[in-house]
C-alpha cells in the first residue's frame, strides 16, 4: 500500500477526526491542525506512523524525521 495522508487514512478506515485523535492520544483540535498543515513534532509524527501501521509516513509530517532517515540511509 502506498503512503497516505492523515485525511486519506481516516477516509480509508472510516474514522472521524475525533476517533483518530483518540487513537493518537491528542485533542481533535490538535489533530485538525496537523491534518491541515501536514506538520508536527517528530514524536507525534512517529506516534501517528505507529498508530497507522506505517500507512502515514512520519517523514511526511516532520522534517526532523525526514532528515534523520536521509542521514541514516
Protein backbone atom coordinates (compact mmCIF):
# COMPACT_ATOMS: atom_id res chain seq x y z
CA UNK A 1 0.00 0.00 0.00
CA UNK A 2 1.30 3.47 -0.80
CA UNK A 3 1.77 6.09 1.86
CA UNK A 4 -1.25 8.20 2.60
CA UNK A 5 -2.10 11.46 4.23
CA UNK A 6 -3.95 11.53 7.53
CA UNK A 7 -7.09 12.58 5.68
CA UNK A 8 -6.83 9.65 3.25
CA UNK A 9 -6.02 7.24 6.08
CA UNK A 10 -9.11 8.38 8.02
CA UNK A 11 -11.28 8.07 4.93
CA UNK A 12 -9.94 4.60 4.08
CA UNK A 13 -10.55 3.41 7.66
CA UNK A 14 -13.82 5.30 8.14
CA UNK A 15 -12.50 7.24 11.12
CA UNK A 16 -13.75 10.62 12.24
CA UNK A 17 -11.16 13.19 13.19
CA UNK A 18 -12.20 12.70 16.81
CA UNK A 19 -11.75 8.92 16.62
CA UNK A 20 -8.34 9.31 15.01
CA UNK A 21 -7.29 11.87 17.61
CA UNK A 22 -8.32 9.45 20.35
CA UNK A 23 -6.17 6.70 18.79
CA UNK A 24 -3.19 9.05 18.74
CA UNK A 25 -3.90 10.44 22.19
CA UNK A 26 -4.29 14.06 21.12
CA UNK A 27 -7.17 16.51 21.00
CA UNK A 28 -9.42 16.82 17.98
CA UNK A 29 -8.27 20.43 17.54
CA UNK A 30 -4.60 19.49 17.60
CA UNK A 31 -5.10 16.70 15.07
CA UNK A 32 -7.11 19.01 12.84
CA UNK A 33 -4.15 21.38 12.73
CA UNK A 34 -1.72 18.55 11.95
CA UNK A 35 -4.04 17.15 9.28
CA UNK A 36 -4.36 20.55 7.60
CA UNK A 37 -0.70 21.61 7.81
CA UNK A 38 0.88 18.14 7.46
CA UNK A 39 3.45 19.26 10.05
CA UNK A 40 4.05 18.26 13.66
CA UNK A 41 6.79 17.31 16.11
CA UNK A 42 8.96 14.30 15.42
CA UNK A 43 7.47 12.45 18.39
CA UNK A 44 3.90 12.99 17.23
CA UNK A 45 4.83 12.08 13.65
CA UNK A 46 6.32 8.80 14.86
CA UNK A 47 3.24 8.15 17.02
CA UNK A 48 0.99 8.69 14.00
CA UNK A 49 3.14 6.37 11.90
CA UNK A 50 2.91 3.70 14.61
CA UNK A 51 -0.87 4.07 15.07
CA UNK A 52 -1.41 3.84 11.30
CA UNK A 53 0.90 0.84 10.95
CA UNK A 54 3.12 2.85 8.64
CA UNK A 55 0.38 3.93 6.25
CA UNK A 56 1.12 7.55 7.17
CA UNK A 57 4.88 8.16 6.95
CA UNK A 58 6.35 10.16 9.82
CA UNK A 59 8.85 11.73 7.40
CA UNK A 60 5.93 13.38 5.59
CA UNK A 61 4.88 15.08 8.83
CA UNK A 62 8.21 16.05 10.36
CA UNK A 63 11.29 17.45 8.64
CA UNK A 64 13.37 16.20 11.61
CA UNK A 65 12.26 12.61 10.93
CA UNK A 66 12.85 13.04 7.19
CA UNK A 67 16.34 14.41 7.79
CA UNK A 68 17.23 11.64 10.26
CA UNK A 69 16.10 9.00 7.80
CA UNK A 70 18.09 10.58 4.97
CA UNK A 71 21.18 10.67 7.20
CA UNK A 72 20.74 7.04 8.20
CA UNK A 73 20.36 5.85 4.61
